[in-house]
């Protein structure tokens, strides 16, 4: 499902204590880093679900509605600036359930390394 969010700010607080977020920034649908990263994420929906991970894609262009369920497209250069990134460059950010950024990368990350990081994060206790 593609969901376009018109605000110029992405509210990570909405997901706090519920989900970890993977924020994937790409200049285009055919960017080599974007393609490499999404190819690595293909068929990992169950691993994402087990870890409460949601994947959001930020891109400056529109795409036909043929994306995978549970993945959202957000279209705005303001979001690059919100996360102190150079607009329209590839980047991957991991936001933990407490809202803190745990990883920033300007190149694709192998899922095994990503899952290793996420699995080491403390599980928040809710009362």
N, C-alpha and C. Protein backbone atom coordinates (compact mmCIF):
# COMPACT_ATOMS: atom_id res chain seq x y z
N UNK A 1 0.85 -1.17 0.00
CA UNK A 1 0.00 0.00 0.00
C UNK A 1 0.89 1.23 0.00
N UNK A 2 0.60 2.20 -0.82
CA UNK A 2 1.33 3.46 -0.83
C UNK A 2 0.48 4.48 -0.10
N UNK A 3 1.09 5.12 0.88
CA UNK A 3 0.38 6.16 1.61
C UNK A 3 1.19 7.42 1.50
N UNK A 4 0.62 8.45 0.92
CA UNK A 4 1.33 9.72 0.82
C UNK A 4 0.87 10.60 1.97
N UNK A 5 1.83 11.15 2.68
CA UNK A 5 1.54 11.98 3.84
C UNK A 5 1.87 13.42 3.46
N UNK A 6 0.88 14.30 3.43
CA UNK A 6 1.11 15.65 2.92
C UNK A 6 1.90 16.56 3.85
N UNK A 7 1.99 16.24 5.13
CA UNK A 7 2.71 17.10 6.06
C UNK A 7 4.18 17.17 5.66
N UNK A 8 4.83 18.25 6.07
CA UNK A 8 6.25 18.37 5.77
C UNK A 8 7.10 17.81 6.90
N UNK A 9 6.46 17.13 7.84
CA UNK A 9 7.15 16.50 8.96
C UNK A 9 6.58 15.12 9.21
N UNK A 10 7.45 14.15 9.39
CA UNK A 10 7.02 12.78 9.69
C UNK A 10 7.01 12.61 11.19
N UNK A 11 5.87 12.23 11.75
CA UNK A 11 5.71 12.13 13.20
C UNK A 11 6.09 10.74 13.69
N UNK A 12 7.34 10.58 14.11
CA UNK A 12 7.77 9.30 14.64
C UNK A 12 7.11 9.01 15.98
N UNK A 13 6.67 10.06 16.69
CA UNK A 13 6.02 9.89 17.98
C UNK A 13 4.75 9.07 17.91
N UNK A 14 4.09 9.09 16.77
CA UNK A 14 2.87 8.31 16.59
C UNK A 14 3.13 6.81 16.78
N UNK A 15 4.32 6.36 16.46
CA UNK A 15 4.68 4.95 16.52
C UNK A 15 5.43 4.57 17.79
N UNK A 16 5.73 5.57 18.63
CA UNK A 16 6.54 5.33 19.82
C UNK A 16 5.91 4.26 20.70
N UNK A 17 6.76 3.38 21.17
CA UNK A 17 6.44 2.26 22.05
C UNK A 17 5.62 1.17 21.36
N UNK A 18 5.31 1.34 20.07
CA UNK A 18 4.57 0.32 19.33
C UNK A 18 5.43 -0.36 18.27
N UNK A 19 6.23 0.43 17.56
CA UNK A 19 6.98 -0.09 16.44
C UNK A 19 8.38 0.51 16.37
N UNK A 20 9.28 -0.26 15.78
CA UNK A 20 10.56 0.27 15.34
C UNK A 20 10.38 0.65 13.88
N UNK A 21 11.03 1.70 13.46
CA UNK A 21 10.84 2.21 12.11
C UNK A 21 12.12 2.10 11.30
N UNK A 22 11.96 1.70 10.05
CA UNK A 22 13.04 1.79 9.08
C UNK A 22 12.60 2.87 8.10
N UNK A 23 13.36 3.95 8.06
CA UNK A 23 13.06 5.06 7.16
C UNK A 23 14.05 4.96 6.01
N UNK A 24 13.54 4.70 4.82
CA UNK A 24 14.36 4.49 3.64
C UNK A 24 14.17 5.67 2.70
N UNK A 25 15.23 6.41 2.46
CA UNK A 25 15.20 7.61 1.61
C UNK A 25 15.90 7.28 0.29
N UNK A 26 15.26 7.64 -0.81
CA UNK A 26 15.85 7.35 -2.11
C UNK A 26 15.54 8.47 -3.09
N UNK A 27 16.50 8.80 -3.96
CA UNK A 27 16.25 9.83 -4.96
C UNK A 27 15.32 9.39 -6.09
N UNK A 28 15.20 8.06 -6.30
CA UNK A 28 14.34 7.57 -7.37
C UNK A 28 14.09 6.08 -7.20
N UNK A 29 13.09 5.59 -7.94
CA UNK A 29 12.77 4.17 -7.89
C UNK A 29 13.85 3.30 -8.52
N UNK A 30 14.68 3.88 -9.37
CA UNK A 30 15.72 3.08 -10.01
C UNK A 30 17.12 3.37 -9.46
N UNK A 31 17.19 4.03 -8.32
CA UNK A 31 18.49 4.28 -7.67
C UNK A 31 19.11 2.93 -7.28
N UNK A 32 20.38 2.69 -7.64
CA UNK A 32 21.02 1.39 -7.36
C UNK A 32 21.01 1.01 -5.87
N UNK A 33 21.23 1.99 -4.98
CA UNK A 33 21.22 1.68 -3.55
C UNK A 33 19.81 1.31 -3.09
N UNK A 34 18.82 2.03 -3.58
CA UNK A 34 17.43 1.72 -3.23
C UNK A 34 17.07 0.31 -3.71
N UNK A 35 17.41 0.00 -4.96
CA UNK A 35 17.10 -1.33 -5.50
C UNK A 35 17.81 -2.43 -4.72
N UNK A 36 19.07 -2.20 -4.37
CA UNK A 36 19.82 -3.19 -3.59
C UNK A 36 19.16 -3.40 -2.23
N UNK A 37 18.78 -2.30 -1.56
CA UNK A 37 18.18 -2.42 -0.23
C UNK A 37 16.83 -3.11 -0.29
N UNK A 38 15.98 -2.70 -1.21
CA UNK A 38 14.65 -3.32 -1.27
C UNK A 38 14.73 -4.77 -1.71
N UNK A 39 15.68 -5.11 -2.57
CA UNK A 39 15.87 -6.52 -2.93
C UNK A 39 16.26 -7.35 -1.71
N UNK A 40 17.09 -6.77 -0.84
CA UNK A 40 17.48 -7.48 0.38
C UNK A 40 16.29 -7.64 1.33
N UNK A 41 15.35 -6.68 1.31
CA UNK A 41 14.20 -6.73 2.21
C UNK A 41 13.07 -7.60 1.67
N UNK A 42 13.08 -7.93 0.39
CA UNK A 42 12.02 -8.76 -0.19
C UNK A 42 11.93 -10.08 0.56
N UNK A 43 10.72 -10.52 0.80
CA UNK A 43 10.44 -11.81 1.46
C UNK A 43 10.86 -11.83 2.93
N UNK A 44 11.00 -10.67 3.56
CA UNK A 44 11.35 -10.63 4.98
C UNK A 44 10.20 -10.10 5.84
N UNK A 45 9.00 -10.12 5.30
CA UNK A 45 7.86 -9.57 6.04
C UNK A 45 7.68 -10.22 7.41
N UNK A 46 7.87 -11.53 7.51
CA UNK A 46 7.68 -12.19 8.80
C UNK A 46 8.75 -11.75 9.81
N UNK A 47 9.99 -11.55 9.34
CA UNK A 47 11.05 -11.07 10.23
C UNK A 47 10.77 -9.63 10.69
N UNK A 48 10.24 -8.83 9.79
CA UNK A 48 9.86 -7.46 10.16
C UNK A 48 8.74 -7.52 11.21
N UNK A 49 7.75 -8.35 10.98
CA UNK A 49 6.61 -8.46 11.89
C UNK A 49 7.06 -8.91 13.27
N UNK A 50 7.93 -9.92 13.35
CA UNK A 50 8.43 -10.42 14.63
C UNK A 50 9.14 -9.35 15.44
N UNK A 51 9.73 -8.39 14.75
CA UNK A 51 10.51 -7.34 15.42
C UNK A 51 9.76 -6.01 15.50
N UNK A 52 8.48 -6.01 15.18
CA UNK A 52 7.66 -4.79 15.20
C UNK A 52 8.26 -3.70 14.31
N UNK A 53 8.82 -4.09 13.18
CA UNK A 53 9.44 -3.13 12.24
C UNK A 53 8.43 -2.69 11.18
N UNK A 54 8.40 -1.40 10.94
CA UNK A 54 7.64 -0.84 9.82
C UNK A 54 8.62 -0.14 8.90
N UNK A 55 8.43 -0.32 7.61
CA UNK A 55 9.30 0.29 6.60
C UNK A 55 8.56 1.43 5.91
N UNK A 56 9.15 2.62 5.94
CA UNK A 56 8.61 3.79 5.24
C UNK A 56 9.61 4.22 4.20
N UNK A 57 9.13 4.51 3.00
CA UNK A 57 9.99 4.96 1.91
C UNK A 57 9.70 6.42 1.61
N UNK A 58 10.75 7.23 1.57
CA UNK A 58 10.65 8.65 1.25
C UNK A 58 11.28 8.85 -0.12
N UNK A 59 10.51 9.41 -1.04
CA UNK A 59 10.99 9.56 -2.41
C UNK A 59 10.36 10.79 -3.04
N UNK A 60 11.10 11.49 -3.89
CA UNK A 60 10.56 12.73 -4.47
C UNK A 60 9.65 12.54 -5.67
N UNK A 61 9.33 11.31 -6.02
CA UNK A 61 8.49 11.10 -7.20
C UNK A 61 7.37 10.11 -6.91
N UNK A 62 6.39 10.08 -7.80
CA UNK A 62 5.27 9.15 -7.66
C UNK A 62 5.61 7.81 -8.30
N UNK A 63 4.91 6.80 -7.87
CA UNK A 63 5.10 5.45 -8.41
C UNK A 63 3.73 4.81 -8.58
N UNK A 64 3.56 3.96 -9.57
CA UNK A 64 2.31 3.22 -9.69
C UNK A 64 2.04 2.41 -8.42
N UNK A 65 0.78 2.18 -8.13
CA UNK A 65 0.38 1.50 -6.91
C UNK A 65 0.61 0.00 -7.02
N UNK A 66 1.87 -0.43 -7.00
CA UNK A 66 2.18 -1.85 -7.09
C UNK A 66 3.15 -2.28 -6.00
N UNK A 67 3.19 -1.53 -4.90
CA UNK A 67 4.12 -1.86 -3.83
C UNK A 67 3.56 -2.98 -2.97
N UNK A 68 4.39 -3.48 -2.07
CA UNK A 68 3.99 -4.57 -1.19
C UNK A 68 3.15 -4.06 -0.03
N UNK A 69 2.27 -4.89 0.51
CA UNK A 69 1.45 -4.47 1.65
C UNK A 69 2.32 -4.09 2.84
N UNK A 70 1.87 -3.12 3.61
CA UNK A 70 2.59 -2.72 4.81
C UNK A 70 3.77 -1.81 4.59
N UNK A 71 3.99 -1.40 3.35
CA UNK A 71 5.09 -0.48 3.05
C UNK A 71 4.49 0.81 2.54
N UNK A 72 4.97 1.91 3.03
CA UNK A 72 4.36 3.19 2.73
C UNK A 72 5.35 4.13 2.04
N UNK A 73 4.85 4.89 1.08
CA UNK A 73 5.64 5.88 0.36
C UNK A 73 5.29 7.27 0.89
N UNK A 74 6.30 8.05 1.18
CA UNK A 74 6.10 9.42 1.63
C UNK A 74 6.87 10.32 0.69
N UNK A 75 6.20 11.31 0.13
CA UNK A 75 6.78 12.12 -0.94
C UNK A 75 6.99 13.56 -0.47
N UNK A 76 8.21 13.89 -0.04
CA UNK A 76 8.51 15.26 0.34
C UNK A 76 9.99 15.43 0.66
N UNK A 77 10.62 16.43 0.04
CA UNK A 77 12.03 16.72 0.33
C UNK A 77 12.20 17.24 1.75
N UNK A 78 11.14 17.79 2.33
CA UNK A 78 11.24 18.30 3.70
C UNK A 78 11.62 17.21 4.69
N UNK A 79 11.25 15.98 4.39
CA UNK A 79 11.57 14.89 5.31
C UNK A 79 13.07 14.60 5.36
N UNK A 80 13.75 14.79 4.23
CA UNK A 80 15.22 14.64 4.26
C UNK A 80 15.80 15.65 5.24
N UNK A 81 15.34 16.89 5.14
CA UNK A 81 15.86 17.94 6.03
C UNK A 81 15.48 17.67 7.49
N UNK A 82 14.28 17.13 7.72
CA UNK A 82 13.85 16.82 9.08
C UNK A 82 14.85 15.90 9.77
N UNK A 83 15.40 14.96 9.04
CA UNK A 83 16.34 14.00 9.61
C UNK A 83 17.80 14.35 9.32
N UNK A 84 18.03 15.62 8.97
CA UNK A 84 19.39 16.13 8.71
C UNK A 84 20.11 15.34 7.63
N UNK A 85 19.41 15.07 6.54
CA UNK A 85 19.97 14.37 5.40
C UNK A 85 20.04 15.32 4.21
N UNK A 86 20.95 15.05 3.30
CA UNK A 86 21.01 15.82 2.06
C UNK A 86 19.81 15.40 1.22
N UNK A 87 18.94 16.34 0.83
CA UNK A 87 17.75 15.97 0.06
C UNK A 87 18.08 15.16 -1.19
N UNK A 88 17.27 14.14 -1.37
CA UNK A 88 17.28 13.29 -2.56
C UNK A 88 18.54 12.45 -2.71
N UNK A 89 19.16 12.12 -1.57
CA UNK A 89 20.25 11.14 -1.55
C UNK A 89 19.77 9.90 -0.81
N UNK A 90 20.35 8.74 -1.14
CA UNK A 90 19.97 7.51 -0.45
C UNK A 90 20.39 7.59 1.02
N UNK A 91 19.51 7.11 1.89
CA UNK A 91 19.83 6.99 3.31
C UNK A 91 18.88 5.98 3.94
N UNK A 92 19.34 5.36 5.01
CA UNK A 92 18.51 4.46 5.79
C UNK A 92 18.68 4.85 7.25
N UNK A 93 17.56 4.99 7.94
CA UNK A 93 17.55 5.35 9.36
C UNK A 93 16.71 4.31 10.10
N UNK A 94 17.19 3.87 11.27
CA UNK A 94 16.42 2.99 12.14
C UNK A 94 16.06 3.78 13.39
N UNK A 95 14.76 3.85 13.67
CA UNK A 95 14.24 4.54 14.86
C UNK A 95 13.70 3.47 15.80
N UNK A 96 14.18 3.47 17.05
CA UNK A 96 13.75 2.48 18.02
C UNK A 96 12.37 2.85 18.58
N UNK A 97 11.81 1.95 19.35
CA UNK A 97 10.48 2.18 19.92
C UNK A 97 10.44 3.39 20.85
N UNK A 98 11.57 3.76 21.42
CA UNK A 98 11.60 4.94 22.30
C UNK A 98 11.75 6.24 21.51
N UNK A 99 11.81 6.15 20.19
CA UNK A 99 11.88 7.34 19.35
C UNK A 99 13.29 7.78 19.02
N UNK A 100 14.30 7.10 19.56
CA UNK A 100 15.69 7.48 19.27
C UNK A 100 16.18 6.83 17.98
N UNK A 101 16.98 7.59 17.26
CA UNK A 101 17.61 7.05 16.05
C UNK A 101 18.76 6.16 16.49
N UNK A 102 18.73 4.90 16.05
CA UNK A 102 19.75 3.92 16.45
C UNK A 102 20.76 3.65 15.35
N UNK A 103 20.41 4.00 14.10
CA UNK A 103 21.32 3.74 12.99
C UNK A 103 21.03 4.73 11.88
N UNK A 104 22.10 5.25 11.29
CA UNK A 104 22.05 6.07 10.08
C UNK A 104 23.06 5.50 9.11
N UNK A 105 22.64 5.34 7.87
CA UNK A 105 23.57 4.83 6.87
C UNK A 105 23.28 5.49 5.53
N UNK A 106 24.34 5.76 4.79
CA UNK A 106 24.16 6.32 3.45
C UNK A 106 24.41 5.24 2.38
N UNK A 107 24.38 3.98 2.82
CA UNK A 107 24.49 2.87 1.89
C UNK A 107 23.59 1.73 2.39
N UNK A 108 23.24 0.80 1.53
CA UNK A 108 22.37 -0.31 1.94
C UNK A 108 22.98 -1.11 3.10
N UNK A 109 22.10 -1.62 3.94
CA UNK A 109 22.49 -2.42 5.10
C UNK A 109 21.96 -3.84 4.90
N UNK A 110 22.81 -4.83 5.10
CA UNK A 110 22.36 -6.21 4.99
C UNK A 110 21.35 -6.50 6.11
N UNK A 111 20.25 -7.18 5.80
CA UNK A 111 19.25 -7.46 6.83
C UNK A 111 19.81 -8.16 8.06
N UNK A 112 20.78 -9.04 7.91
CA UNK A 112 21.35 -9.72 9.08
C UNK A 112 21.95 -8.72 10.06
N UNK A 113 22.64 -7.69 9.54
CA UNK A 113 23.20 -6.66 10.43
C UNK A 113 22.09 -5.82 11.06
N UNK A 114 21.09 -5.50 10.27
CA UNK A 114 19.95 -4.74 10.79
C UNK A 114 19.25 -5.52 11.90
N UNK A 115 18.97 -6.79 11.66
CA UNK A 115 18.27 -7.60 12.66
C UNK A 115 19.14 -7.81 13.90
N UNK A 116 20.45 -7.91 13.72
CA UNK A 116 21.36 -8.04 14.86
C UNK A 116 21.26 -6.80 15.74
N UNK A 117 21.25 -5.63 15.13
CA UNK A 117 21.10 -4.38 15.88
C UNK A 117 19.76 -4.35 16.61
N UNK A 118 18.69 -4.62 15.88
CA UNK A 118 17.35 -4.55 16.47
C UNK A 118 17.20 -5.57 17.59
N UNK A 119 17.73 -6.76 17.41
CA UNK A 119 17.59 -7.80 18.43
C UNK A 119 18.36 -7.47 19.70
N UNK A 120 19.36 -6.58 19.62
CA UNK A 120 20.13 -6.19 20.79
C UNK A 120 19.47 -5.04 21.56
N UNK A 121 18.51 -4.38 20.94
CA UNK A 121 17.85 -3.25 21.60
C UNK A 121 16.96 -3.77 22.73
N UNK A 122 16.92 -3.04 23.85
CA UNK A 122 16.05 -3.50 24.94
C UNK A 122 14.59 -3.41 24.53
N UNK A 123 13.83 -4.38 25.02
CA UNK A 123 12.39 -4.37 24.76
C UNK A 123 11.74 -3.48 25.80
N UNK A 124 11.01 -2.45 25.36
CA UNK A 124 10.37 -1.55 26.31
C UNK A 124 9.29 -2.27 27.13
N UNK A 125 9.21 -1.90 28.39
CA UNK A 125 8.20 -2.46 29.28
C UNK A 125 7.06 -1.46 29.36
N UNK A 126 5.86 -1.94 29.11
CA UNK A 126 4.68 -1.07 29.25
C UNK A 126 3.92 -1.48 30.49
N UNK A 127 3.48 -0.50 31.22
CA UNK A 127 2.75 -0.76 32.47
C UNK A 127 1.28 -0.51 32.29
